[in-house]
Amino acid sequence: MKPGLYRVSVQFKIDKKGKVTEVKARTNDSNAEIEEEAIRVVKKIPNMNPGVVDGKSIGVLYGLPINFKVPENKKKNKGYFLRALVSSLHLAYAIKKS
């Protein structure tokens, strides 16, 4: 993969049980590798609290932009997806706590 900054928009649903479902990803340049990795990352988000309307649990759609930075040095490339995963999970935890 070429070095650079890649941005992917991910859409997913937190179902009425709090599980991540219906994960879709899209990049401007249709980069399949980045899209697949973004989907993998989002699917690792732990169960969350579902939306509640009138006392009933409902599914809620979320949009999440993820930036992947691929450095020029190939030795450093091994951890770039992991860093994106950790950042995304921190965000998911912050969403769950709010």
N, C-alpha and C. Protein backbone atom coordinates (compact mmCIF):
# COMPACT_ATOMS: atom_id res chain seq x y z
N MET A 1 0.84 -1.18 0.00
CA MET A 1 0.00 0.00 0.00
C MET A 1 0.88 1.24 0.00
N LYS A 2 0.49 2.22 -0.78
CA LYS A 2 1.25 3.45 -0.86
C LYS A 2 1.20 4.20 0.45
N PRO A 3 2.31 4.86 0.84
CA PRO A 3 2.28 5.70 2.03
C PRO A 3 1.32 6.86 1.84
N GLY A 4 0.76 7.32 2.91
CA GLY A 4 -0.14 8.47 2.85
C GLY A 4 -1.23 8.37 3.90
N LEU A 5 -2.13 9.33 3.85
CA LEU A 5 -3.26 9.39 4.77
C LEU A 5 -4.50 8.94 4.01
N TYR A 6 -5.19 7.96 4.55
CA TYR A 6 -6.40 7.43 3.94
C TYR A 6 -7.57 7.69 4.87
N ARG A 7 -8.65 8.17 4.31
CA ARG A 7 -9.85 8.44 5.10
C ARG A 7 -10.97 7.52 4.59
N VAL A 8 -11.63 6.88 5.53
CA VAL A 8 -12.73 6.00 5.17
C VAL A 8 -13.93 6.38 6.03
N SER A 9 -15.09 6.42 5.40
CA SER A 9 -16.34 6.69 6.13
C SER A 9 -17.02 5.35 6.37
N VAL A 10 -17.34 5.09 7.62
CA VAL A 10 -17.98 3.83 7.99
C VAL A 10 -19.36 4.13 8.55
N GLN A 11 -20.33 3.37 8.09
CA GLN A 11 -21.68 3.47 8.63
C GLN A 11 -22.03 2.12 9.22
N PHE A 12 -22.64 2.14 10.39
CA PHE A 12 -23.04 0.90 11.04
C PHE A 12 -24.24 1.15 11.93
N LYS A 13 -24.85 0.08 12.35
CA LYS A 13 -26.03 0.17 13.21
C LYS A 13 -25.73 -0.50 14.53
N ILE A 14 -26.16 0.13 15.61
CA ILE A 14 -26.18 -0.52 16.92
C ILE A 14 -27.61 -1.02 17.06
N ASP A 15 -27.79 -2.35 17.05
CA ASP A 15 -29.15 -2.90 17.07
C ASP A 15 -29.76 -2.78 18.46
N LYS A 16 -30.99 -3.22 18.61
CA LYS A 16 -31.69 -3.03 19.89
C LYS A 16 -31.11 -3.87 21.02
N LYS A 17 -30.18 -4.77 20.68
CA LYS A 17 -29.47 -5.53 21.71
C LYS A 17 -28.10 -4.93 22.01
N GLY A 18 -27.73 -3.88 21.29
CA GLY A 18 -26.46 -3.20 21.52
C GLY A 18 -25.31 -3.72 20.68
N LYS A 19 -25.61 -4.59 19.71
CA LYS A 19 -24.56 -5.17 18.87
C LYS A 19 -24.34 -4.36 17.60
N VAL A 20 -23.10 -4.33 17.14
CA VAL A 20 -22.76 -3.65 15.89
C VAL A 20 -23.20 -4.54 14.72
N THR A 21 -24.01 -3.98 13.82
CA THR A 21 -24.49 -4.71 12.64
C THR A 21 -24.44 -3.80 11.42
N GLU A 22 -24.69 -4.37 10.27
CA GLU A 22 -24.84 -3.62 9.01
C GLU A 22 -23.68 -2.65 8.76
N VAL A 23 -22.46 -3.14 8.89
CA VAL A 23 -21.27 -2.29 8.73
C VAL A 23 -20.95 -2.13 7.25
N LYS A 24 -20.81 -0.88 6.83
CA LYS A 24 -20.45 -0.54 5.45
C LYS A 24 -19.34 0.51 5.50
N ALA A 25 -18.42 0.43 4.54
CA ALA A 25 -17.33 1.41 4.50
C ALA A 25 -17.13 1.89 3.07
N ARG A 26 -16.66 3.15 2.98
CA ARG A 26 -16.43 3.72 1.65
C ARG A 26 -15.29 4.72 1.71
N THR A 27 -14.39 4.62 0.76
CA THR A 27 -13.33 5.61 0.59
C THR A 27 -13.58 6.36 -0.70
N ASN A 28 -12.97 7.51 -0.83
CA ASN A 28 -13.14 8.30 -2.06
C ASN A 28 -12.56 7.60 -3.28
N ASP A 29 -11.48 6.85 -3.07
CA ASP A 29 -10.82 6.21 -4.20
C ASP A 29 -11.10 4.71 -4.28
N SER A 30 -12.16 4.24 -3.62
CA SER A 30 -12.56 2.84 -3.63
C SER A 30 -11.39 1.90 -3.30
N ASN A 31 -10.69 2.20 -2.22
CA ASN A 31 -9.56 1.40 -1.78
C ASN A 31 -10.08 0.21 -0.98
N ALA A 32 -10.18 -0.94 -1.61
CA ALA A 32 -10.79 -2.12 -0.99
C ALA A 32 -10.05 -2.55 0.27
N GLU A 33 -8.73 -2.47 0.29
CA GLU A 33 -7.97 -2.90 1.46
C GLU A 33 -8.30 -2.04 2.67
N ILE A 34 -8.37 -0.75 2.48
CA ILE A 34 -8.71 0.16 3.58
C ILE A 34 -10.16 -0.05 4.01
N GLU A 35 -11.06 -0.20 3.06
CA GLU A 35 -12.48 -0.41 3.39
C GLU A 35 -12.67 -1.69 4.20
N GLU A 36 -12.01 -2.77 3.78
CA GLU A 36 -12.12 -4.04 4.50
C GLU A 36 -11.56 -3.93 5.92
N GLU A 37 -10.44 -3.22 6.05
CA GLU A 37 -9.85 -3.06 7.38
C GLU A 37 -10.74 -2.21 8.28
N ALA A 38 -11.34 -1.17 7.74
CA ALA A 38 -12.24 -0.33 8.52
C ALA A 38 -13.44 -1.15 9.01
N ILE A 39 -13.97 -2.00 8.16
CA ILE A 39 -15.09 -2.87 8.56
C ILE A 39 -14.66 -3.81 9.68
N ARG A 40 -13.47 -4.38 9.54
CA ARG A 40 -12.95 -5.29 10.57
C ARG A 40 -12.80 -4.56 11.90
N VAL A 41 -12.27 -3.34 11.83
CA VAL A 41 -12.06 -2.54 13.04
C VAL A 41 -13.39 -2.25 13.73
N VAL A 42 -14.38 -1.80 12.97
CA VAL A 42 -15.67 -1.43 13.55
C VAL A 42 -16.38 -2.66 14.13
N LYS A 43 -16.24 -3.80 13.50
CA LYS A 43 -16.87 -5.00 14.03
C LYS A 43 -16.30 -5.42 15.39
N LYS A 44 -15.14 -4.89 15.76
CA LYS A 44 -14.53 -5.19 17.05
C LYS A 44 -15.04 -4.28 18.18
N ILE A 45 -15.86 -3.31 17.84
CA ILE A 45 -16.43 -2.44 18.86
C ILE A 45 -17.26 -3.30 19.81
N PRO A 46 -17.04 -3.16 21.11
CA PRO A 46 -17.81 -3.99 22.06
C PRO A 46 -19.28 -3.59 22.08
N ASN A 47 -20.11 -4.46 22.67
CA ASN A 47 -21.53 -4.14 22.77
C ASN A 47 -21.72 -2.79 23.43
N MET A 48 -22.72 -2.08 22.94
CA MET A 48 -23.00 -0.73 23.44
C MET A 48 -24.43 -0.69 23.97
N ASN A 49 -24.78 0.43 24.54
CA ASN A 49 -26.16 0.62 24.97
C ASN A 49 -26.98 1.02 23.76
N PRO A 50 -28.09 0.33 23.49
CA PRO A 50 -28.92 0.70 22.33
C PRO A 50 -29.66 2.01 22.59
N GLY A 51 -30.22 2.55 21.53
CA GLY A 51 -31.08 3.72 21.70
C GLY A 51 -32.36 3.32 22.41
N VAL A 52 -32.97 4.28 23.08
CA VAL A 52 -34.23 4.00 23.79
C VAL A 52 -35.22 5.10 23.46
N VAL A 53 -36.42 4.69 23.02
CA VAL A 53 -37.51 5.62 22.75
C VAL A 53 -38.75 5.08 23.45
N ASP A 54 -39.35 5.92 24.27
CA ASP A 54 -40.54 5.52 25.02
C ASP A 54 -40.32 4.23 25.81
N GLY A 55 -39.11 4.09 26.36
CA GLY A 55 -38.80 2.93 27.18
C GLY A 55 -38.48 1.66 26.41
N LYS A 56 -38.47 1.72 25.08
CA LYS A 56 -38.17 0.55 24.26
C LYS A 56 -36.82 0.72 23.57
N SER A 57 -36.05 -0.36 23.54
CA SER A 57 -34.76 -0.34 22.85
C SER A 57 -34.98 -0.30 21.35
N ILE A 58 -34.17 0.54 20.68
CA ILE A 58 -34.25 0.65 19.22
C ILE A 58 -32.84 0.61 18.64
N GLY A 59 -32.74 0.29 17.37
CA GLY A 59 -31.46 0.36 16.66
C GLY A 59 -31.17 1.79 16.27
N VAL A 60 -29.87 2.12 16.24
CA VAL A 60 -29.45 3.48 15.89
C VAL A 60 -28.32 3.40 14.88
N LEU A 61 -28.41 4.20 13.80
CA LEU A 61 -27.34 4.27 12.81
C LEU A 61 -26.27 5.25 13.27
N TYR A 62 -25.02 4.89 12.99
CA TYR A 62 -23.88 5.76 13.32
C TYR A 62 -23.02 5.91 12.08
N GLY A 63 -22.38 7.05 11.98
CA GLY A 63 -21.36 7.29 10.97
C GLY A 63 -20.06 7.57 11.69
N LEU A 64 -18.98 6.96 11.21
CA LEU A 64 -17.69 7.10 11.88
C LEU A 64 -16.60 7.29 10.84
N PRO A 65 -15.95 8.46 10.80
CA PRO A 65 -14.80 8.60 9.91
C PRO A 65 -13.56 8.02 10.58
N ILE A 66 -12.77 7.28 9.83
CA ILE A 66 -11.53 6.71 10.36
C ILE A 66 -10.40 7.13 9.42
N ASN A 67 -9.32 7.63 10.01
CA ASN A 67 -8.13 7.99 9.24
C ASN A 67 -7.05 6.94 9.47
N PHE A 68 -6.49 6.44 8.39
CA PHE A 68 -5.36 5.51 8.44
C PHE A 68 -4.14 6.24 7.91
N LYS A 69 -3.08 6.27 8.68
CA LYS A 69 -1.84 6.86 8.21
C LYS A 69 -0.86 5.74 7.91
N VAL A 70 -0.45 5.64 6.67
CA VAL A 70 0.51 4.63 6.25
C VAL A 70 1.85 5.34 6.07
N PRO A 71 2.82 5.04 6.95
CA PRO A 71 4.12 5.71 6.87
C PRO A 71 4.95 5.20 5.71
N GLU A 72 5.98 5.96 5.34
CA GLU A 72 6.86 5.56 4.23
C GLU A 72 7.73 4.38 4.61
N ASN A 73 8.18 4.33 5.84
CA ASN A 73 9.06 3.25 6.28
C ASN A 73 8.25 1.97 6.43
N LYS A 74 8.55 0.95 5.64
CA LYS A 74 7.76 -0.29 5.65
C LYS A 74 7.81 -1.00 7.00
N LYS A 75 8.87 -0.84 7.76
CA LYS A 75 8.94 -1.49 9.07
C LYS A 75 7.88 -0.93 10.01
N LYS A 76 7.52 0.31 9.82
CA LYS A 76 6.50 0.94 10.67
C LYS A 76 5.08 0.59 10.22
N ASN A 77 4.91 0.09 8.99
CA ASN A 77 3.58 -0.19 8.46
C ASN A 77 2.83 -1.25 9.25
N LYS A 78 3.54 -2.16 9.90
CA LYS A 78 2.88 -3.26 10.57
C LYS A 78 1.86 -2.80 11.60
N GLY A 79 2.06 -1.68 12.23
CA GLY A 79 1.17 -1.26 13.30
C GLY A 79 0.10 -0.25 12.92
N TYR A 80 0.01 0.15 11.65
CA TYR A 80 -0.92 1.24 11.35
C TYR A 80 -2.37 0.84 11.48
N PHE A 81 -2.72 -0.38 11.15
CA PHE A 81 -4.10 -0.80 11.33
C PHE A 81 -4.42 -0.95 12.81
N LEU A 82 -3.47 -1.43 13.59
CA LEU A 82 -3.69 -1.58 15.02
C LEU A 82 -3.92 -0.22 15.66
N ARG A 83 -3.16 0.79 15.26
CA ARG A 83 -3.36 2.13 15.82
C ARG A 83 -4.76 2.65 15.47
N ALA A 84 -5.23 2.40 14.28
CA ALA A 84 -6.58 2.81 13.90
C ALA A 84 -7.61 2.07 14.73
N LEU A 85 -7.38 0.80 14.97
CA LEU A 85 -8.29 0.00 15.80
C LEU A 85 -8.37 0.57 17.20
N VAL A 86 -7.22 0.84 17.80
CA VAL A 86 -7.20 1.36 19.17
C VAL A 86 -7.92 2.70 19.22
N SER A 87 -7.68 3.57 18.26
CA SER A 87 -8.36 4.87 18.23
C SER A 87 -9.86 4.70 18.11
N SER A 88 -10.29 3.78 17.26
CA SER A 88 -11.72 3.56 17.06
C SER A 88 -12.36 2.98 18.32
N LEU A 89 -11.67 2.06 18.98
CA LEU A 89 -12.23 1.47 20.19
C LEU A 89 -12.31 2.50 21.32
N HIS A 90 -11.35 3.41 21.38
CA HIS A 90 -11.43 4.49 22.37
C HIS A 90 -12.66 5.34 22.09
N LEU A 91 -12.91 5.64 20.83
CA LEU A 91 -14.09 6.42 20.46
C LEU A 91 -15.36 5.66 20.80
N ALA A 92 -15.38 4.38 20.51
CA ALA A 92 -16.57 3.57 20.82
C ALA A 92 -16.83 3.54 22.31
N TYR A 93 -15.78 3.44 23.09
CA TYR A 93 -15.93 3.43 24.55
C TYR A 93 -16.49 4.77 25.02
N ALA A 94 -16.00 5.87 24.42
CA ALA A 94 -16.50 7.20 24.79
C ALA A 94 -17.99 7.32 24.43
N ILE A 95 -18.39 6.78 23.28
CA ILE A 95 -19.79 6.83 22.87
C ILE A 95 -20.63 6.01 23.85
N LYS A 96 -20.12 4.84 24.22
CA LYS A 96 -20.87 3.95 25.12
C LYS A 96 -21.06 4.61 26.49
N LYS A 97 -20.04 5.33 26.97
CA LYS A 97 -20.11 5.96 28.29
C LYS A 97 -21.05 7.16 28.30
N SER A 98 -21.27 7.78 27.13
CA SER A 98 -22.12 8.99 27.12
C SER A 98 -23.57 8.68 27.06
